Every structure is written in C-alpha cells, then in structure tokens.
Amino acid sequence: MLIAVVDGQGAGIGQTVIKRIKKEFEDKVRIVALGLNKTALKNMLKSGAEDGIIGSKNISEFILNNHIDFIIGPIGVLCVGGICGEVTSTVSKAIFNSPATKLIIPLQKHGIYIPNTQDLSIKECIDIFIEKIREQI
C-alpha cells in the first residue's frame, strides 16, 4: 500500500502522521513524503518515510504517475496558496484530481470551517485515518 503524506513549513503534522502510521502498520505500507520545502521533507524522512519528493513539478508528477492509495495532509494542501503560500496550483490540482483517497486534517484556518470537525483534535483525525487505512489493508 502506498501512502503519500504532504506537508510544508516544519512538517509537524506530517511527522506526527508518519510516526503513527509506521507504529500501526510497520512494513505493510510504504510512505512517501511530499515536502513542500526542504525542512518539511527532511523532517518527514526523519520520522520514517521511505522516500521523499520535493518541488511542485516533481510532487505533481509523482502523484499523477503512481498508484497512491491515500494522500494525507492538512486542508491547506487542497488550496492554492495554502500552508503559508507553499501550495502551488500544480500541487493542489494534482492532489484534487488524483484517484487516491484523500485523508484531510480539517484545521480551522483561513476562514474554512467544516461542520462537525471543529472539536476534532489532530490525534482524533489520525485515529480516524488509521481505521480507514486498516480497512484497506
């Protein structure tokens, strides 16, 4: 099973997601870190991702040319200019158009509010993601 984790800035969310998935599934999954900057990529690789990709064009090509089961990231990965301007139109379009299941952390930022998610912690979101992944293994 191939899982792509997308994050930018310091990849705090990406690191947490990767560590938890590796703890739960060990070698049953392959995680590729899609870093929106060098620091994010480095931190996600340290957290246990097997491979890493950086750069808008490289990330988009990877998403479009591979069978990815799940793409995981904060809601900003779906928005051009999301994650402090790190998400390009190329990346957001590739993620959106991918047939992969998108597991999105609904952070309450940028005036985007998704009903019934405001009380979910990041940990609770990851717990839900783990169950969704478990259903597919």
Protein backbone atom coordinates (compact mmCIF):
# COMPACT_ATOMS: atom_id res chain seq x y z
CA MET A 1 0.00 0.00 0.00
CA LEU A 2 1.35 3.41 -0.98
CA ILE A 3 0.63 6.42 1.21
CA ALA A 4 1.74 9.95 0.34
CA VAL A 5 2.00 12.46 3.19
CA VAL A 6 2.03 16.11 2.09
CA ASP A 7 3.16 18.92 4.36
CA GLY A 8 5.07 22.17 4.42
CA GLN A 9 6.62 24.58 6.94
CA GLY A 10 8.31 22.31 9.53
CA ALA A 11 6.02 19.34 8.77
CA GLY A 12 4.81 18.97 12.35
CA ILE A 13 1.58 17.37 11.19
CA GLY A 14 3.33 15.24 8.57
CA GLN A 15 5.81 13.94 11.13
CA THR A 16 3.04 13.00 13.55
CA VAL A 17 1.07 11.22 10.83
CA ILE A 18 4.10 9.27 9.58
CA LYS A 19 5.19 8.15 13.06
CA ARG A 20 1.71 6.91 13.88
CA ILE A 21 1.23 5.05 10.59
CA LYS A 22 4.65 3.39 10.91
CA LYS A 23 3.83 2.37 14.50
CA GLU A 24 0.49 0.86 13.47
CA PHE A 25 1.40 -0.80 10.18
CA GLU A 26 5.21 -1.17 10.15
CA ASP A 27 6.18 -2.75 6.81
CA LYS A 28 2.64 -3.16 5.45
CA VAL A 29 2.73 0.33 3.96
CA ARG A 30 5.21 2.44 2.00
CA ILE A 31 5.17 6.10 2.91
CA VAL A 32 6.43 8.78 0.54
CA ALA A 33 6.92 12.26 2.00
CA LEU A 34 5.88 15.05 -0.34
CA GLY A 35 7.70 18.02 1.15
CA LEU A 36 6.63 21.49 0.13
CA ASN A 37 10.05 22.72 1.28
CA LYS A 38 13.42 21.21 2.27
CA THR A 39 12.80 21.40 6.02
CA ALA A 40 9.43 19.68 5.75
CA LEU A 41 10.90 16.92 3.59
CA LYS A 42 13.88 16.39 5.90
CA ASN A 43 11.66 16.16 8.97
CA MET A 44 9.23 13.71 7.38
CA LEU A 45 12.10 11.48 6.25
CA LYS A 46 13.47 11.51 9.81
CA SER A 47 10.04 10.43 11.01
CA GLY A 48 10.13 7.24 8.95
CA ALA A 49 9.03 7.95 5.38
CA GLU A 50 10.79 5.57 3.00
CA ASP A 51 11.13 8.08 0.19
CA GLY A 52 10.77 11.80 -0.29
CA ILE A 53 9.99 14.20 -3.09
CA ILE A 54 10.34 17.97 -3.18
CA GLY A 55 9.34 20.59 -5.71
CA SER A 56 5.98 21.41 -7.23
CA LYS A 57 6.66 19.71 -10.58
CA ASN A 58 8.20 16.59 -9.00
CA ILE A 59 5.37 16.23 -6.47
CA SER A 60 2.71 16.65 -9.16
CA GLU A 61 4.37 14.13 -11.48
CA PHE A 62 4.69 11.62 -8.65
CA ILE A 63 1.01 11.96 -7.77
CA LEU A 64 -0.12 11.66 -11.37
CA ASN A 65 2.21 8.79 -12.34
CA ASN A 66 1.83 6.45 -9.36
CA HIS A 67 -0.99 4.40 -7.89
CA ILE A 68 -1.34 6.05 -4.50
CA ASP A 69 -3.86 4.56 -2.10
CA PHE A 70 -4.03 7.51 0.31
CA ILE A 71 -2.89 11.13 0.27
CA ILE A 72 -2.74 12.64 3.75
CA GLY A 73 -2.28 16.27 4.69
CA PRO A 74 -3.78 19.37 6.27
CA ILE A 75 -6.66 21.09 4.48
CA GLY A 76 -4.25 23.68 3.08
CA VAL A 77 -2.89 21.14 0.57
CA LEU A 78 -6.15 21.48 -1.37
CA CYS A 79 -5.91 25.26 -1.63
CA VAL A 80 -3.67 27.25 -3.96
CA GLY A 81 -1.52 29.36 -1.65
CA GLY A 82 -2.31 27.11 1.32
CA ILE A 83 0.23 26.37 4.06
CA CYS A 84 1.62 29.91 4.10
CA GLY A 85 1.77 30.11 0.31
CA GLU A 86 3.68 26.84 -0.19
CA VAL A 87 0.94 25.02 -2.13
CA THR A 88 1.06 25.78 -5.85
CA SER A 89 -1.81 25.38 -8.27
CA THR A 90 0.05 22.43 -9.82
CA VAL A 91 0.24 20.58 -6.50
CA SER A 92 -3.32 21.31 -5.38
CA LYS A 93 -4.69 20.29 -8.78
CA ALA A 94 -2.68 17.03 -8.79
CA ILE A 95 -3.92 16.14 -5.30
CA PHE A 96 -7.52 17.02 -6.11
CA ASN A 97 -7.52 15.09 -9.41
CA SER A 98 -5.77 12.01 -8.02
CA PRO A 99 -7.99 8.93 -7.67
CA ALA A 100 -6.36 8.33 -4.26
CA THR A 101 -8.48 8.62 -1.15
CA LYS A 102 -7.65 11.97 0.44
CA LEU A 103 -7.43 11.96 4.23
CA ILE A 104 -7.53 15.65 5.12
CA ILE A 105 -6.96 17.19 8.53
CA PRO A 106 -9.62 19.94 8.81
CA LEU A 107 -7.61 22.66 10.52
CA GLN A 108 -9.77 25.68 11.31
CA LYS A 109 -7.71 28.22 9.38
CA HIS A 110 -8.16 30.77 6.64
CA GLY A 111 -11.88 31.07 7.32
CA ILE A 112 -12.54 27.47 6.26
CA TYR A 113 -14.85 25.69 8.68
CA ILE A 114 -16.20 22.21 8.07
CA PRO A 115 -19.25 21.42 10.24
CA ASN A 116 -18.79 18.79 12.96
CA THR A 117 -15.00 18.91 12.75
CA GLN A 118 -14.25 21.92 14.95
CA ASP A 119 -13.86 19.78 18.07
CA LEU A 120 -11.66 17.11 16.45
CA SER A 121 -8.05 17.15 17.57
CA ILE A 122 -5.25 16.21 15.19
CA LYS A 123 -4.83 12.99 17.19
CA GLU A 124 -8.50 12.13 16.69
CA CYS A 125 -8.21 12.80 12.96
CA ILE A 126 -5.19 10.50 12.76
CA ASP A 127 -7.12 7.81 14.70
CA ILE A 128 -9.87 8.02 12.07
CA PHE A 129 -7.27 7.82 9.28
CA ILE A 130 -5.69 4.72 10.86
CA GLU A 131 -9.05 2.95 10.84
CA LYS A 132 -9.64 3.92 7.21
CA ILE A 133 -6.21 2.59 6.21
CA ARG A 134 -6.78 -0.59 8.24
CA GLU A 135 -9.98 -1.23 6.24
CA GLN A 136 -7.93 -1.26 3.01
CA ILE A 137 -5.03 -3.46 4.12
